[in-house]
Amino acid sequence: MNKLLNNLSFIKTYPSGMEEKLSLNTYIYTPKRFHCWIHCQIRIGFTSINLSNMGKKNIRTIYTSSEPEPVLIYTNPDEHKGLIAKQNKNKSGVYRWVHKDSRKSYIGSSSMLNERFRRYFNHSYLSSSKRGASLICKALLKYGYGGFRLEILEYCPSSILLTREQFYLEKFNPEYNILKVAGSNLGYKHSEASLKLMSLASKSRNESEEVLKFKREVMLGRKLTKDHLERMAKNNPFRVPIIISNSETGKREEFTSMAQGALFLGVHETTLKRYIINNKPYNGYTITRATSSLDSSSIYSLTNERQGVVLTNSVSGITKQFSTMKAAYQFLGISPRRLSNYLKNNESSFINGQVSTIKGFIITKLDSVERNGKAIEVTNIRTKEVTKYSSVSSAGLALGISSASISTYLSRKRTTPFRDIYLFKLI
C-alpha cells in the first residue's frame, strides 16, 4: 500500500488555468494513520480516491464525475476537530456544511480556514446575539455537529476566494445561506438592536455640503414665535450670567452669558465653564457666577456632571451617597440623560400618590455644603498665618485652588506643603 501511495500524485486545475500538484507523503499517510480517518474521504478536483475503507490492503478505483467533488469530507466533524484544524491550518478555501438528513447546506469561504472552523466549534460564538440571524449557527445548535458533515470544496488563493465561493453558491443554491452574493450583505435581516444602532449612527453622519445647504435654506424660512425663542435661550447650557473681576484693579465686568464672558477673555465657552467649576482664576481674572440672577436650571446645567447625589431605597430607606452624577448613573446602570432628566424635572413629582423612583431609588441632589461641609484649617508656611474655613469649597474659592485638588491632598494624607505654600488640615 505504501508503494502505491508513494507513486500517487494529482493535478488540480483551477478555472483560471492555474495548476497545483499535490503529492501524498508516505510517512504521513500510512495504514496506521488511515485508521484514524475512517470517516474521512479525500477527493481532489474531478479525480477522487475513496479512503473510507482504510483497513483494506487495496485502494478502490479512481473515478471521475461531472459534479465538482470536495477536496475533503469530514462525516463526523465533532470527533475530528483536531484533525480539521491541523489539515486546514493557514489555508484559504471554500467550505460547505451539509445536514445529513435534510441535505440542506451552507457555503462559506475564509482565507484562514482553521480559524473559521475554530469559531464554529465554539458554542459561545454560535449562541452569541450578534449571530442571531445566522441560519447555520441556529442549525448547528439545534441538530449538533453530529447531524452535519463538513466538506472542503476547494483550496484556492485569497485573490479568487470570493469568485470561487460565488461559483459554488450558484451551483448548489444552499438553503442556510441568507446572503446569495459572496462578500455582499444583500438580503441580510438586521435585528432591532442593530437597526437602532444604525439609526443613531446615521444621525451623527457627516453630511455633504449640498445637504447642509438645503437644511439651512429650510430653516431660514422658518418663523419662530417669541415664546419659542425664549425657551431656546433658557435651555442654552452656556446662558449663565457671570462676573469677571480683575484681581489687580478690582474692576468687575458683568456678562449675561458664558459666551460673552468667553469672548471677553478670548477663550472657548467650555474652557470658561471648567475654570468656573474648579474655582480657578484665569490670567489674573476671577470668574464667578452671578447666582442672584440664575434660575435653577442654569445652575444645574453648569454643574451637571460634578453634582453630588443621594440614592435612597424606597423600601428599606437605606441611603447611598455619590460625589458625582457619573458614579451614580453607572451604579444604577442607566444613561446620564435619564438621571439628568429625573433630577431636573421629576425630583418632586408623584406617581399614583408616591414619589417617582428609578430602579427603586429616590434620587436627590447633594448640596455642596453637605459634600464639603467639614471645616478646614489652612496654614501658610511662608507667612505662618493660620486661617480657618467652613468648608473645602470656601477654602478653595479664597485661595484660588480647586476644591478637588484640596480634597485629593487631604485624602492622600500628604504632609508636604501644597504648592510649597499651604498645609491643609480638617478640623
Protein backbone atom coordinates (compact mmCIF):
# COMPACT_ATOMS: atom_id res chain seq x y z
CA MET A 1 0.00 0.00 0.00
CA ASN A 2 2.83 2.39 0.87
CA LYS A 3 4.34 1.73 -2.52
CA LEU A 4 1.09 2.60 -4.23
CA LEU A 5 0.72 5.81 -2.22
CA ASN A 6 4.31 6.79 -2.93
CA ASN A 7 3.51 6.87 -6.62
CA LEU A 8 0.26 8.81 -6.25
CA SER A 9 0.12 12.43 -7.33
CA PHE A 10 -2.75 14.53 -8.59
CA ILE A 11 -3.12 17.57 -10.77
CA LYS A 12 -5.82 20.08 -9.79
CA THR A 13 -6.90 22.55 -12.47
CA TYR A 14 -8.48 25.90 -11.49
CA PRO A 15 -10.79 27.77 -13.85
CA SER A 16 -8.07 30.32 -14.47
CA GLY A 17 -5.84 27.60 -15.90
CA MET A 18 -3.66 27.59 -12.80
CA GLU A 19 -2.38 24.14 -11.85
CA GLU A 20 -1.36 22.81 -8.48
CA LYS A 21 0.36 19.50 -7.86
CA LEU A 22 -0.41 17.74 -4.60
CA SER A 23 1.74 14.79 -3.54
CA LEU A 24 0.99 12.45 -0.63
CA ASN A 25 3.99 11.68 1.59
CA THR A 26 4.38 8.05 2.61
CA TYR A 27 5.42 8.72 6.22
CA ILE A 28 2.27 10.74 6.86
CA TYR A 29 -0.33 8.66 5.09
CA THR A 30 0.44 5.21 6.50
CA PRO A 31 -2.20 2.49 7.09
CA LYS A 32 -1.94 3.16 10.83
CA ARG A 33 -2.75 6.81 10.29
CA PHE A 34 -5.58 5.89 7.90
CA HIS A 35 -7.27 4.00 10.70
CA CYS A 36 -8.00 7.40 12.35
CA TRP A 37 -9.56 8.64 9.12
CA ILE A 38 -12.30 6.04 8.81
CA HIS A 39 -14.94 8.70 8.18
CA CYS A 40 -12.81 10.99 6.05
CA GLN A 41 -12.62 10.87 2.26
CA ILE A 42 -10.06 12.70 0.19
CA ARG A 43 -11.12 13.89 -3.25
CA ILE A 44 -9.11 16.19 -5.42
CA GLY A 45 -10.57 18.06 -8.39
CA PHE A 46 -12.70 15.77 -10.52
CA THR A 47 -10.48 12.81 -9.73
CA SER A 48 -11.12 11.06 -6.44
CA ILE A 49 -9.70 8.37 -4.19
CA ASN A 50 -12.06 6.85 -1.60
CA LEU A 51 -10.13 6.19 1.62
CA SER A 52 -13.12 5.20 3.74
CA ASN A 53 -12.04 1.54 3.82
CA MET A 54 -8.58 2.11 5.18
CA GLY A 55 -8.34 -1.33 6.68
CA LYS A 56 -8.20 -2.92 3.24
CA LYS A 57 -4.90 -3.53 1.53
CA ASN A 58 -6.00 -2.05 -1.75
CA ILE A 59 -7.33 1.33 -2.86
CA ARG A 60 -10.57 1.48 -4.75
CA THR A 61 -10.55 2.54 -8.35
CA ILE A 62 -10.21 6.21 -9.21
CA TYR A 63 -13.39 7.64 -10.75
CA THR A 64 -14.49 10.89 -12.35
CA SER A 65 -17.69 12.88 -12.02
CA SER A 66 -19.32 15.77 -13.84
CA GLU A 67 -20.13 17.44 -10.47
CA PRO A 68 -17.42 19.32 -8.57
CA GLU A 69 -16.11 16.99 -5.89
CA PRO A 70 -14.96 18.16 -2.42
CA VAL A 71 -11.28 18.02 -1.56
CA LEU A 72 -12.02 16.74 1.97
CA ILE A 73 -15.12 15.39 3.70
CA TYR A 74 -15.46 15.07 7.47
CA THR A 75 -18.54 12.95 8.23
CA ASN A 76 -18.12 13.37 11.99
CA PRO A 77 -16.78 16.92 12.48
CA ASP A 78 -17.16 16.88 16.26
CA GLU A 79 -14.90 13.85 16.61
CA HIS A 80 -12.24 15.18 14.26
CA LYS A 81 -11.90 18.82 15.42
CA GLY A 82 -8.16 18.41 15.94
CA LEU A 83 -7.69 16.86 12.50
CA ILE A 84 -9.79 19.59 10.87
CA ALA A 85 -7.69 22.31 12.50
CA LYS A 86 -4.42 20.61 11.53
CA GLN A 87 -5.30 19.90 7.91
CA ASN A 88 -6.66 23.39 7.26
CA LYS A 89 -4.08 25.44 9.11
CA ASN A 90 -3.14 28.63 7.21
CA LYS A 91 -5.16 27.52 4.20
CA SER A 92 -7.59 29.54 2.14
CA GLY A 93 -10.64 27.98 0.55
CA VAL A 94 -14.37 27.32 0.27
CA TYR A 95 -16.24 25.00 2.64
CA ARG A 96 -19.76 23.58 2.99
CA TRP A 97 -21.83 22.34 5.94
CA VAL A 98 -24.39 19.70 4.85
CA HIS A 99 -27.22 18.46 7.08
CA LYS A 100 -27.22 14.67 6.73
CA ASP A 101 -30.99 14.13 6.87
CA SER A 102 -32.47 17.12 5.04
CA ARG A 103 -29.47 17.66 2.71
CA LYS A 104 -29.75 21.40 3.38
CA SER A 105 -26.37 23.11 3.19
CA TYR A 106 -24.38 26.24 3.89
CA ILE A 107 -21.43 27.52 1.84
CA GLY A 108 -18.77 29.86 3.12
CA SER A 109 -15.18 30.82 2.50
CA SER A 110 -12.20 32.05 4.50
CA SER A 111 -8.58 32.97 3.99
CA MET A 112 -7.83 31.22 7.33
CA LEU A 113 -9.98 28.11 7.38
CA ASN A 114 -8.67 26.75 10.68
CA GLU A 115 -9.65 29.98 12.46
CA ARG A 116 -13.11 29.92 10.90
CA PHE A 117 -13.70 26.33 12.00
CA ARG A 118 -12.40 27.10 15.49
CA ARG A 119 -15.21 29.64 15.81
CA TYR A 120 -17.79 27.16 14.56
CA PHE A 121 -16.77 24.73 17.30
CA ASN A 122 -17.14 27.45 19.95
CA HIS A 123 -20.61 27.25 21.50
CA SER A 124 -20.44 30.84 22.78
CA TYR A 125 -19.73 32.06 19.24
CA LEU A 126 -22.73 30.18 17.81
CA SER A 127 -25.15 31.35 20.52
CA SER A 128 -23.99 34.99 20.53
CA SER A 129 -26.76 37.54 19.91
CA LYS A 130 -24.56 39.06 17.16
CA ARG A 131 -25.27 35.97 15.08
CA GLY A 132 -28.98 35.88 15.89
CA ALA A 133 -29.98 35.86 12.22
CA SER A 134 -27.46 33.18 11.13
CA LEU A 135 -29.35 30.09 9.95
CA ILE A 136 -26.30 27.82 10.01
CA CYS A 137 -25.48 28.78 13.60
CA LYS A 138 -29.05 28.03 14.65
CA ALA A 139 -28.97 24.71 12.80
CA LEU A 140 -25.66 23.63 14.38
CA LEU A 141 -27.07 24.43 17.82
CA LYS A 142 -30.33 22.60 17.07
CA TYR A 143 -29.01 19.40 15.44
CA GLY A 144 -25.49 19.31 16.85
CA TYR A 145 -22.29 18.73 14.91
CA GLY A 146 -23.17 15.04 14.53
CA GLY A 147 -26.09 15.99 12.33
CA PHE A 148 -23.78 17.57 9.74
CA ARG A 149 -20.83 16.71 7.58
CA LEU A 150 -18.19 19.29 6.75
CA GLU A 151 -16.79 19.49 3.22
CA ILE A 152 -13.79 21.41 1.94
CA LEU A 153 -14.99 22.17 -1.56
CA GLU A 154 -11.78 23.76 -2.75
CA TYR A 155 -8.49 25.28 -1.65
CA CYS A 156 -7.66 28.41 -3.61
CA PRO A 157 -5.70 31.67 -3.28
CA SER A 158 -7.34 34.55 -1.39
CA SER A 159 -7.33 36.64 -4.58
CA ILE A 160 -10.02 34.44 -6.19
CA LEU A 161 -11.76 33.33 -2.97
CA LEU A 162 -14.99 35.28 -3.48
CA THR A 163 -15.16 34.28 -7.13
CA ARG A 164 -14.94 30.59 -6.24
CA GLU A 165 -17.44 30.98 -3.38
CA GLN A 166 -19.91 32.61 -5.78
CA PHE A 167 -19.43 29.71 -8.20
CA TYR A 168 -20.46 27.20 -5.54
CA LEU A 169 -23.33 29.40 -4.29
CA GLU A 170 -24.81 29.38 -7.79
CA LYS A 171 -24.04 25.68 -8.26
CA PHE A 172 -25.60 24.32 -5.06
CA ASN A 173 -28.04 27.11 -4.07
CA PRO A 174 -27.55 26.38 -0.32
CA GLU A 175 -30.64 26.77 1.87
CA TYR A 176 -28.83 28.01 5.01
CA ASN A 177 -27.20 30.93 3.19
CA ILE A 178 -29.12 34.15 3.79
CA LEU A 179 -26.76 36.08 1.51
CA LYS A 180 -26.72 34.79 -2.04
CA VAL A 181 -23.89 37.03 -3.25
CA ALA A 182 -20.38 36.38 -1.94
CA GLY A 183 -18.99 39.33 0.01
CA SER A 184 -22.33 41.20 -0.04
CA ASN A 185 -24.89 41.95 2.72
CA LEU A 186 -27.78 41.93 0.23
CA GLY A 187 -30.71 40.07 1.79
CA TYR A 188 -29.43 40.19 5.38
CA LYS A 189 -32.08 40.97 8.01
CA HIS A 190 -30.81 43.17 10.85
CA SER A 191 -32.03 42.75 14.42
CA GLU A 192 -33.99 45.52 16.18
CA ALA A 193 -30.93 46.38 18.29
CA SER A 194 -28.77 46.68 15.16
CA LEU A 195 -31.34 48.88 13.46
CA LYS A 196 -31.39 51.23 16.47
CA LEU A 197 -27.59 51.48 16.45
CA MET A 198 -27.62 52.18 12.71
CA SER A 199 -30.24 54.88 13.28
CA LEU A 200 -28.09 56.57 15.92
CA ALA A 201 -25.04 56.39 13.66
CA SER A 202 -26.92 57.95 10.76
CA LYS A 203 -27.97 60.88 12.92
CA SER A 204 -24.33 61.76 13.60
CA ARG A 205 -23.22 61.17 10.00
CA ASN A 206 -21.13 63.85 8.30
CA GLU A 207 -23.40 65.19 5.59
CA SER A 208 -22.40 66.73 2.29
CA GLU A 209 -22.35 70.49 1.79
CA GLU A 210 -25.34 70.23 -0.55
CA VAL A 211 -27.47 68.54 2.11
CA LEU A 212 -26.40 71.06 4.75
CA LYS A 213 -27.17 73.93 2.39
CA PHE A 214 -30.66 72.54 1.76
CA LYS A 215 -31.30 72.24 5.51
CA ARG A 216 -30.10 75.77 6.11
CA GLU A 217 -32.43 77.12 3.41
CA VAL A 218 -35.37 75.28 5.02
CA MET A 219 -34.52 76.69 8.46
CA LEU A 220 -34.07 80.23 7.11
CA GLY A 221 -37.68 80.32 6.01
CA ARG A 222 -38.89 79.11 9.40
CA LYS A 223 -40.51 81.72 11.65
CA LEU A 224 -40.15 81.19 15.41
CA THR A 225 -42.50 82.67 17.97
CA LYS A 226 -41.29 84.85 20.84
CA ASP A 227 -42.04 82.08 23.36
CA HIS A 228 -40.04 79.60 21.31
CA LEU A 229 -37.04 81.93 21.19
CA GLU A 230 -37.23 82.48 24.95
CA ARG A 231 -37.33 78.73 25.59
CA MET A 232 -34.33 78.19 23.31
CA ALA A 233 -32.37 80.88 25.19
CA LYS A 234 -33.39 79.46 28.57
CA ASN A 235 -32.32 75.92 27.65
CA ASN A 236 -28.93 77.06 26.35
CA PRO A 237 -26.44 75.47 28.83
CA PHE A 238 -23.97 78.36 28.34
CA ARG A 239 -26.53 81.08 29.10
CA VAL A 240 -25.29 81.62 32.65
CA PRO A 241 -24.75 85.22 33.87
CA ILE A 242 -21.19 85.60 35.17
CA ILE A 243 -18.95 88.23 36.76
CA ILE A 244 -15.31 88.62 35.72
CA SER A 245 -13.13 90.59 38.15
CA ASN A 246 -9.60 91.85 37.56
CA SER A 247 -7.54 90.60 40.52
CA GLU A 248 -5.17 93.63 40.39
CA THR A 249 -7.51 96.56 39.73
CA GLY A 250 -10.68 95.07 41.22
CA LYS A 251 -12.67 96.15 38.17
CA ARG A 252 -15.76 94.00 37.58
CA GLU A 253 -17.43 93.13 34.31
CA GLU A 254 -20.87 91.51 34.22
CA PHE A 255 -21.98 89.34 31.31
CA THR A 256 -25.40 87.85 30.63
CA SER A 257 -23.96 84.61 29.28
CA MET A 258 -20.83 82.50 29.35
CA ALA A 259 -20.43 83.04 25.60
CA GLN A 260 -19.96 86.77 26.12
CA GLY A 261 -17.55 86.18 29.01
CA ALA A 262 -15.54 83.71 26.95
CA LEU A 263 -15.33 86.23 24.10
CA PHE A 264 -14.07 88.89 26.54
CA LEU A 265 -11.28 86.59 27.82
CA GLY A 266 -10.53 85.15 24.37
CA VAL A 267 -11.24 81.50 25.34
CA HIS A 268 -13.82 78.86 24.41
CA GLU A 269 -17.05 78.58 26.43
CA THR A 270 -16.08 75.07 27.58
CA THR A 271 -12.76 76.36 28.93
CA LEU A 272 -14.54 79.12 30.82
CA LYS A 273 -17.02 76.62 32.23
CA ARG A 274 -14.17 74.44 33.52
CA TYR A 275 -12.50 77.37 35.28
CA ILE A 276 -15.80 78.32 36.97
CA ILE A 277 -16.46 74.76 38.18
CA ASN A 278 -12.92 74.40 39.59
CA ASN A 279 -12.94 77.88 41.17
CA LYS A 280 -9.69 78.77 39.44
CA PRO A 281 -8.61 82.26 38.27
CA TYR A 282 -7.68 82.76 34.63
CA ASN A 283 -4.79 85.08 33.67
CA GLY A 284 -5.38 87.43 36.58
CA TYR A 285 -9.18 87.33 36.36
CA THR A 286 -11.52 85.80 38.93
CA ILE A 287 -14.63 84.29 37.37
CA THR A 288 -17.77 83.81 39.43
CA ARG A 289 -21.40 83.04 38.73
CA ALA A 290 -23.97 85.78 39.21
CA THR A 291 -26.02 83.41 41.37
CA SER A 292 -28.60 86.03 42.29
CA SER A 293 -29.88 86.16 38.73
CA LEU A 294 -29.58 82.47 37.94
CA ASP A 295 -32.52 80.15 37.74
CA SER A 296 -32.23 76.57 38.99
CA SER A 297 -32.00 75.04 35.51
CA SER A 298 -28.97 77.21 34.59
CA ILE A 299 -27.10 76.31 37.78
CA TYR A 300 -27.90 72.65 37.17
CA SER A 301 -26.60 72.79 33.60
CA LEU A 302 -23.34 74.37 34.74
CA THR A 303 -22.53 71.84 37.47
CA ASN A 304 -24.33 68.87 35.96
CA GLU A 305 -21.52 66.30 35.83
CA ARG A 306 -20.00 67.29 39.20
CA GLN A 307 -23.34 67.32 41.00
CA GLY A 308 -23.37 65.01 44.01
CA VAL A 309 -26.47 62.84 44.53
CA VAL A 310 -28.02 60.67 47.24
CA LEU A 311 -29.86 57.42 46.43
CA THR A 312 -32.50 56.34 48.95
CA ASN A 313 -34.01 52.87 48.75
CA SER A 314 -37.78 53.47 48.71
CA VAL A 315 -38.43 50.23 50.64
CA SER A 316 -35.60 49.93 53.19
CA GLY A 317 -34.76 53.62 53.47
CA ILE A 318 -31.03 52.88 53.17
CA THR A 319 -29.12 55.72 51.53
CA LYS A 320 -26.06 55.70 49.31
CA GLN A 321 -24.10 58.86 48.54
CA PHE A 322 -22.19 59.62 45.33
CA SER A 323 -19.89 62.59 44.81
CA THR A 324 -20.63 62.80 41.06
CA MET A 325 -23.54 62.05 38.76
CA LYS A 326 -21.32 59.75 36.70
CA ALA A 327 -20.73 57.44 39.66
CA ALA A 328 -24.48 57.42 40.37
CA TYR A 329 -25.70 56.59 36.86
CA GLN A 330 -23.02 53.92 36.46
CA PHE A 331 -24.17 52.34 39.73
CA LEU A 332 -27.80 52.39 38.55
CA GLY A 333 -26.88 51.19 35.05
CA ILE A 334 -28.81 53.99 33.34
CA SER A 335 -27.93 56.70 30.85
CA PRO A 336 -26.65 60.14 32.00
CA ARG A 337 -29.63 61.78 30.29
CA ARG A 338 -32.16 59.72 32.26
CA LEU A 339 -30.60 60.69 35.60
CA SER A 340 -30.27 64.31 34.47
CA ASN A 341 -33.93 64.49 33.45
CA TYR A 342 -35.04 62.89 36.73
CA LEU A 343 -33.14 65.43 38.83
CA LYS A 344 -34.22 68.31 36.67
CA ASN A 345 -37.91 67.53 36.24
CA ASN A 346 -39.08 64.62 38.37
CA GLU A 347 -37.38 65.17 41.71
CA SER A 348 -40.59 66.15 43.45
CA SER A 349 -43.10 64.55 41.08
CA PHE A 350 -45.61 61.98 42.24
CA ILE A 351 -46.94 58.88 40.51
CA ASN A 352 -50.15 57.39 41.97
CA GLY A 353 -49.60 59.36 45.16
CA GLN A 354 -45.98 58.20 45.56
CA VAL A 355 -42.63 59.84 44.84
CA SER A 356 -41.24 58.67 41.48
CA THR A 357 -38.21 56.39 41.60
CA ILE A 358 -35.55 54.90 39.33
CA LYS A 359 -34.99 51.20 39.93
CA GLY A 360 -36.48 51.53 43.39
CA PHE A 361 -34.36 54.53 44.44
CA ILE A 362 -35.47 58.06 45.27
CA ILE A 363 -32.72 60.35 43.99
CA THR A 364 -31.95 63.80 45.40
CA LYS A 365 -29.19 66.34 44.84
CA LEU A 366 -26.38 66.56 47.34
CA ASP A 367 -25.63 70.20 48.19
CA SER A 368 -22.02 71.40 48.05
CA VAL A 369 -22.26 72.32 51.75
CA GLU A 370 -23.11 68.70 52.55
CA ARG A 371 -20.34 67.35 50.30
CA ASN A 372 -17.54 69.53 51.62
CA GLY A 373 -19.11 70.60 54.91
CA LYS A 374 -16.14 69.81 57.14
CA ALA A 375 -14.21 72.81 58.41
CA ILE A 376 -10.63 73.11 57.25
CA GLU A 377 -7.54 74.81 58.66
CA VAL A 378 -5.06 76.31 56.21
CA THR A 379 -1.51 77.24 57.26
CA ASN A 380 0.65 79.45 55.05
CA ILE A 381 4.20 78.25 55.84
CA ARG A 382 5.73 81.41 54.43
CA THR A 383 3.76 83.91 56.49
CA LYS A 384 2.93 81.46 59.35
CA GLU A 385 -0.66 82.64 59.03
CA VAL A 386 -3.37 80.13 60.04
CA THR A 387 -6.87 80.57 58.59
CA LYS A 388 -10.00 78.50 59.23
CA TYR A 389 -12.69 77.97 56.62
CA SER A 390 -16.14 76.44 56.99
CA SER A 391 -15.65 74.05 54.08
CA VAL A 392 -13.19 72.84 51.45
CA SER A 393 -15.12 74.76 48.80
CA SER A 394 -14.83 78.06 50.62
CA ALA A 395 -11.10 77.49 51.19
CA GLY A 396 -10.56 76.74 47.53
CA LEU A 397 -12.52 79.81 46.48
CA ALA A 398 -10.48 82.08 48.78
CA LEU A 399 -7.11 80.63 47.76
CA GLY A 400 -7.83 80.25 44.05
CA ILE A 401 -7.39 76.46 44.26
CA SER A 402 -9.88 73.88 43.05
CA SER A 403 -11.73 72.09 45.84
CA ALA A 404 -10.95 68.78 44.10
CA SER A 405 -7.20 69.40 44.48
CA ILE A 406 -7.60 70.14 48.19
CA SER A 407 -9.78 67.06 48.68
CA THR A 408 -7.16 64.90 46.92
CA TYR A 409 -4.43 66.36 49.12
CA LEU A 410 -6.41 65.51 52.26
CA SER A 411 -7.50 62.04 51.13
CA ARG A 412 -3.91 61.03 50.43
CA LYS A 413 -2.81 62.36 53.83
CA ARG A 414 0.07 64.33 52.43
CA THR A 415 2.43 66.14 54.79
CA THR A 416 4.38 68.22 52.28
CA PRO A 417 3.08 71.75 51.67
CA PHE A 418 0.66 72.15 48.79
CA ARG A 419 2.44 74.15 46.07
CA ASP A 420 5.19 74.64 48.68
CA ILE A 421 2.92 77.15 50.46
CA TYR A 422 -0.14 75.66 52.17
CA LEU A 423 -0.74 72.93 54.73
CA PHE A 424 -4.33 71.66 54.97
CA LYS A 425 -5.96 70.05 57.98
CA LEU A 426 -9.57 69.05 58.60
CA ILE A 427 -10.97 70.26 61.92
